């Protein structure tokens, strides 16, 4: 049995007891979080419950065009009032170069592909986070009154450390 089969089976069991129909698509805490897809980060890490926040995840917690699109939908259509961006220590994108990542993939696939054009690799965790915060803050559709705060999650200690621009 594959892991996906196991997940589907677990979902069937969950669905028998499903009690979250009362939840809204609008986050109770009016918070949108953009973070990495890393398995060591979760809503529990942040003390959040299902329904509290929109949690957007991608490799590196990068403000891509799609992440920005989701933040704008979260704010304008679904009422979030604060944005939180979280990067973390020991990130798989940190320290690798764009060329190294591309070559690793090419060596296994044998061919070029048109997308992704960038993997958003970085070497300085704090500078990367500041850059992501600035991408959101400087967007003309993000209101100046919406707080955009950035944090580094330390995977060894479990603590969040705020980073200021």
C-alpha atoms as a PDB file:
ATOM      1  CA  UNK A   1       0.000   0.000   0.000  1.00  0.00           C
ATOM      2  CA  UNK A   2       1.370   3.432  -0.931  1.00  0.00           C
ATOM      3  CA  UNK A   3       1.505   6.391   1.443  1.00  0.00           C
ATOM      4  CA  UNK A   4      -1.214   8.074  -0.622  1.00  0.00           C
ATOM      5  CA  UNK A   5      -3.409   4.989  -0.149  1.00  0.00           C
ATOM      6  CA  UNK A   6      -2.781   5.222   3.606  1.00  0.00           C
ATOM      7  CA  UNK A   7      -3.746   8.910   3.601  1.00  0.00           C
ATOM      8  CA  UNK A   8      -6.940   8.210   1.649  1.00  0.00           C
ATOM      9  CA  UNK A   9      -7.841   5.456   4.106  1.00  0.00           C
ATOM     10  CA  UNK A  10      -7.161   7.775   7.065  1.00  0.00           C
ATOM     11  CA  UNK A  11      -9.336  10.429   5.425  1.00  0.00           C
ATOM     12  CA  UNK A  12     -12.205   7.991   5.092  1.00  0.00           C
ATOM     13  CA  UNK A  13     -11.979   7.343   8.829  1.00  0.00           C
ATOM     14  CA  UNK A  14     -11.755  11.079   9.542  1.00  0.00           C
ATOM     15  CA  UNK A  15     -14.802  11.794   7.345  1.00  0.00           C
ATOM     16  CA  UNK A  16     -16.923   9.436   9.452  1.00  0.00           C
ATOM     17  CA  UNK A  17     -16.436  11.770  12.435  1.00  0.00           C
ATOM     18  CA  UNK A  18     -16.072  15.092  10.548  1.00  0.00           C
ATOM     19  CA  UNK A  19     -17.369  17.959  12.679  1.00  0.00           C
ATOM     20  CA  UNK A  20     -15.822  21.064  11.069  1.00  0.00           C
ATOM     21  CA  UNK A  21     -18.750  21.971   8.810  1.00  0.00           C
ATOM     22  CA  UNK A  22     -19.368  25.069  10.939  1.00  0.00           C
ATOM     23  CA  UNK A  23     -16.013  26.608  10.047  1.00  0.00           C
ATOM     24  CA  UNK A  24     -15.873  29.538   7.654  1.00  0.00           C
ATOM     25  CA  UNK A  25     -13.358  30.079   4.851  1.00  0.00           C
ATOM     26  CA  UNK A  26     -12.654  33.365   6.659  1.00  0.00           C
ATOM     27  CA  UNK A  27      -9.935  32.827   9.277  1.00  0.00           C
ATOM     28  CA  UNK A  28     -11.169  33.414  12.840  1.00  0.00           C
ATOM     29  CA  UNK A  29      -7.927  35.174  13.812  1.00  0.00           C
ATOM     30  CA  UNK A  30      -7.800  37.227  10.564  1.00  0.00           C
ATOM     31  CA  UNK A  31      -4.244  36.053   9.953  1.00  0.00           C
ATOM     32  CA  UNK A  32      -2.494  34.848   6.797  1.00  0.00           C
ATOM     33  CA  UNK A  33       0.800  32.987   7.225  1.00  0.00           C
ATOM     34  CA  UNK A  34       3.261  32.348   4.418  1.00  0.00           C
ATOM     35  CA  UNK A  35       5.806  29.731   5.391  1.00  0.00           C
ATOM     36  CA  UNK A  36       7.959  26.940   4.079  1.00  0.00           C
ATOM     37  CA  UNK A  37       6.652  23.499   3.203  1.00  0.00           C
ATOM     38  CA  UNK A  38       9.114  22.018   5.722  1.00  0.00           C
ATOM     39  CA  UNK A  39       7.589  19.182   7.738  1.00  0.00           C
ATOM     40  CA  UNK A  40       8.827  20.651  11.033  1.00  0.00           C
ATOM     41  CA  UNK A  41       6.477  23.638  10.736  1.00  0.00           C
ATOM     42  CA  UNK A  42       2.760  23.272  11.394  1.00  0.00           C
ATOM     43  CA  UNK A  43      -0.225  25.149  12.757  1.00  0.00           C
ATOM     44  CA  UNK A  44       0.600  23.557  16.125  1.00  0.00           C
ATOM     45  CA  UNK A  45       4.044  25.191  15.987  1.00  0.00           C
ATOM     46  CA  UNK A  46       2.188  28.510  15.991  1.00  0.00           C
ATOM     47  CA  UNK A  47      -0.477  27.615  18.522  1.00  0.00           C
ATOM     48  CA  UNK A  48      -3.162  27.784  15.845  1.00  0.00           C
ATOM     49  CA  UNK A  49      -6.263  25.663  15.487  1.00  0.00           C
ATOM     50  CA  UNK A  50      -8.053  24.636  12.318  1.00  0.00           C
ATOM     51  CA  UNK A  51      -9.982  27.690  11.141  1.00  0.00           C
ATOM     52  CA  UNK A  52      -7.701  30.275  12.777  1.00  0.00           C
ATOM     53  CA  UNK A  53      -5.588  31.352   9.786  1.00  0.00           C
ATOM     54  CA  UNK A  54      -4.821  30.897   6.137  1.00  0.00           C
ATOM     55  CA  UNK A  55      -1.540  29.014   5.925  1.00  0.00           C
ATOM     56  CA  UNK A  56       0.259  29.264   2.583  1.00  0.00           C
ATOM     57  CA  UNK A  57       3.238  26.994   2.035  1.00  0.00           C
ATOM     58  CA  UNK A  58       5.918  26.650  -0.601  1.00  0.00           C
ATOM     59  CA  UNK A  59       9.584  25.705  -0.764  1.00  0.00           C
ATOM     60  CA  UNK A  60      11.418  28.382   1.201  1.00  0.00           C
ATOM     61  CA  UNK A  61       8.416  30.488   2.227  1.00  0.00           C
ATOM     62  CA  UNK A  62       9.007  32.630  -0.865  1.00  0.00           C
ATOM     63  CA  UNK A  63       6.738  35.467  -1.967  1.00  0.00           C
ATOM     64  CA  UNK A  64       6.124  34.189  -5.468  1.00  0.00           C
ATOM     65  CA  UNK A  65       3.496  35.612  -7.785  1.00  0.00           C
ATOM     66  CA  UNK A  66       1.119  32.868  -6.663  1.00  0.00           C
ATOM     67  CA  UNK A  67       1.834  33.434  -2.954  1.00  0.00           C
ATOM     68  CA  UNK A  68       1.146  37.137  -3.420  1.00  0.00           C
ATOM     69  CA  UNK A  69      -2.059  36.316  -5.292  1.00  0.00           C
ATOM     70  CA  UNK A  70      -3.166  34.158  -2.376  1.00  0.00           C
ATOM     71  CA  UNK A  71      -2.320  36.853   0.193  1.00  0.00           C
ATOM     72  CA  UNK A  72      -4.364  39.399  -1.770  1.00  0.00           C
ATOM     73  CA  UNK A  73      -7.341  37.011  -1.994  1.00  0.00           C
ATOM     74  CA  UNK A  74      -6.956  36.280   1.716  1.00  0.00           C
ATOM     75  CA  UNK A  75      -7.096  39.982   2.556  1.00  0.00           C
ATOM     76  CA  UNK A  76      -9.588  41.415   0.081  1.00  0.00           C
ATOM     77  CA  UNK A  77     -11.999  38.501  -0.261  1.00  0.00           C
ATOM     78  CA  UNK A  78     -11.663  36.660   3.042  1.00  0.00           C
ATOM     79  CA  UNK A  79     -10.896  39.369   5.581  1.00  0.00           C
ATOM     80  CA  UNK A  80      -7.380  38.749   6.854  1.00  0.00           C
ATOM     81  CA  UNK A  81      -5.824  41.791   8.494  1.00  0.00           C
ATOM     82  CA  UNK A  82      -2.268  40.638   9.262  1.00  0.00           C
ATOM     83  CA  UNK A  83       0.417  38.856   7.244  1.00  0.00           C
ATOM     84  CA  UNK A  84       3.120  36.721   8.833  1.00  0.00           C
ATOM     85  CA  UNK A  85       6.073  35.350   6.848  1.00  0.00           C
ATOM     86  CA  UNK A  86       8.105  32.535   8.370  1.00  0.00           C
ATOM     87  CA  UNK A  87      11.427  31.145   7.157  1.00  0.00           C
ATOM     88  CA  UNK A  88      13.368  28.599   9.196  1.00  0.00           C
ATOM     89  CA  UNK A  89      16.801  27.347  10.071  1.00  0.00           C
ATOM     90  CA  UNK A  90      18.139  24.289   8.245  1.00  0.00           C
ATOM     91  CA  UNK A  91      16.111  25.054   5.112  1.00  0.00           C
ATOM     92  CA  UNK A  92      16.757  22.829   2.114  1.00  0.00           C
ATOM     93  CA  UNK A  93      16.958  25.861  -0.220  1.00  0.00           C
ATOM     94  CA  UNK A  94      19.598  27.570   1.891  1.00  0.00           C
ATOM     95  CA  UNK A  95      23.148  27.158   0.689  1.00  0.00           C
ATOM     96  CA  UNK A  96      22.328  25.577  -2.647  1.00  0.00           C
ATOM     97  CA  UNK A  97      22.656  27.633  -5.802  1.00  0.00           C
ATOM     98  CA  UNK A  98      20.167  27.871  -8.629  1.00  0.00           C
ATOM     99  CA  UNK A  99      22.694  26.121 -10.867  1.00  0.00           C
ATOM    100  CA  UNK A 100      23.275  23.276  -8.385  1.00  0.00           C
ATOM    101  CA  UNK A 101      19.559  22.622  -8.086  1.00  0.00           C
ATOM    102  CA  UNK A 102      19.062  22.746 -11.848  1.00  0.00           C
ATOM    103  CA  UNK A 103      22.023  20.417 -12.465  1.00  0.00           C
ATOM    104  CA  UNK A 104      20.774  17.932  -9.867  1.00  0.00           C
ATOM    105  CA  UNK A 105      17.415  17.778 -11.607  1.00  0.00           C
ATOM    106  CA  UNK A 106      18.941  17.641 -15.092  1.00  0.00           C
ATOM    107  CA  UNK A 107      21.210  14.774 -14.091  1.00  0.00           C
ATOM    108  CA  UNK A 108      18.160  12.736 -13.070  1.00  0.00           C
ATOM    109  CA  UNK A 109      15.746  13.774 -15.818  1.00  0.00           C
ATOM    110  CA  UNK A 110      18.100  14.321 -18.714  1.00  0.00           C
ATOM    111  CA  UNK A 111      16.194  17.266 -20.121  1.00  0.00           C
ATOM    112  CA  UNK A 112      15.372  20.938 -19.796  1.00  0.00           C
ATOM    113  CA  UNK A 113      11.926  22.205 -18.878  1.00  0.00           C
ATOM    114  CA  UNK A 114      10.488  25.705 -19.326  1.00  0.00           C
ATOM    115  CA  UNK A 115       9.357  26.032 -15.686  1.00  0.00           C
ATOM    116  CA  UNK A 116      10.290  26.626 -12.980  1.00  0.00           C
ATOM    117  CA  UNK A 117      12.692  29.264 -14.183  1.00  0.00           C
ATOM    118  CA  UNK A 118      13.871  29.955 -10.615  1.00  0.00           C
ATOM    119  CA  UNK A 119      13.955  27.849  -7.483  1.00  0.00           C
ATOM    120  CA  UNK A 120      14.639  30.881  -5.228  1.00  0.00           C
ATOM    121  CA  UNK A 121      17.710  29.404  -3.552  1.00  0.00           C
ATOM    122  CA  UNK A 122      19.416  31.627  -0.978  1.00  0.00           C
ATOM    123  CA  UNK A 123      22.461  31.706   1.294  1.00  0.00           C
ATOM    124  CA  UNK A 124      21.509  34.291   3.939  1.00  0.00           C
ATOM    125  CA  UNK A 125      18.369  33.279   5.844  1.00  0.00           C
ATOM    126  CA  UNK A 126      17.755  36.680   7.407  1.00  0.00           C
ATOM    127  CA  UNK A 127      18.353  38.628   4.208  1.00  0.00           C
ATOM    128  CA  UNK A 128      16.048  36.263   2.351  1.00  0.00           C
ATOM    129  CA  UNK A 129      13.290  36.853   4.894  1.00  0.00           C
ATOM    130  CA  UNK A 130      13.742  40.629   4.727  1.00  0.00           C
ATOM    131  CA  UNK A 131      13.485  40.429   0.933  1.00  0.00           C
ATOM    132  CA  UNK A 132      10.235  38.441   1.158  1.00  0.00           C
ATOM    133  CA  UNK A 133       8.762  40.936   3.619  1.00  0.00           C
ATOM    134  CA  UNK A 134       9.695  43.821   1.332  1.00  0.00           C
ATOM    135  CA  UNK A 135       8.061  42.132  -1.678  1.00  0.00           C
ATOM    136  CA  UNK A 136       4.762  42.105   0.208  1.00  0.00           C
ATOM    137  CA  UNK A 137       5.083  45.540   1.805  1.00  0.00           C
ATOM    138  CA  UNK A 138       6.009  47.245  -1.449  1.00  0.00           C
ATOM    139  CA  UNK A 139       3.176  45.784  -3.507  1.00  0.00           C
ATOM    140  CA  UNK A 140       0.746  48.581  -4.421  1.00  0.00           C
ATOM    141  CA  UNK A 141      -2.299  46.460  -3.564  1.00  0.00           C
ATOM    142  CA  UNK A 142      -1.155  45.630  -0.031  1.00  0.00           C
ATOM    143  CA  UNK A 143      -2.522  48.392   2.210  1.00  0.00           C
ATOM    144  CA  UNK A 144       0.114  50.137   4.326  1.00  0.00           C
ATOM    145  CA  UNK A 145      -1.964  49.487   7.466  1.00  0.00           C
ATOM    146  CA  UNK A 146      -1.721  45.691   7.040  1.00  0.00           C
ATOM    147  CA  UNK A 147       1.099  44.493   9.292  1.00  0.00           C
ATOM    148  CA  UNK A 148       3.670  42.353   7.468  1.00  0.00           C
ATOM    149  CA  UNK A 149       5.927  40.728  10.046  1.00  0.00           C
ATOM    150  CA  UNK A 150       8.705  38.226   9.505  1.00  0.00           C
ATOM    151  CA  UNK A 151      10.064  35.456  11.695  1.00  0.00           C
ATOM    152  CA  UNK A 152      12.723  32.786  11.617  1.00  0.00           C
ATOM    153  CA  UNK A 153      11.633  29.510  13.161  1.00  0.00           C
ATOM    154  CA  UNK A 154      14.528  27.719  14.847  1.00  0.00           C
ATOM    155  CA  UNK A 155      13.970  24.017  14.183  1.00  0.00           C
ATOM    156  CA  UNK A 156      16.326  23.051  17.038  1.00  0.00           C
ATOM    157  CA  UNK A 157      14.549  25.055  19.756  1.00  0.00           C
ATOM    158  CA  UNK A 158      11.032  25.429  18.328  1.00  0.00           C
ATOM    159  CA  UNK A 159      11.137  29.198  18.871  1.00  0.00           C
ATOM    160  CA  UNK A 160      10.177  32.015  16.554  1.00  0.00           C
ATOM    161  CA  UNK A 161      12.545  34.985  16.316  1.00  0.00           C
ATOM    162  CA  UNK A 162      11.197  38.196  14.823  1.00  0.00           C
ATOM    163  CA  UNK A 163      13.237  39.800  12.044  1.00  0.00           C
ATOM    164  CA  UNK A 164      12.957  43.497  11.364  1.00  0.00           C
ATOM    165  CA  UNK A 165      13.637  45.295   8.081  1.00  0.00           C
END
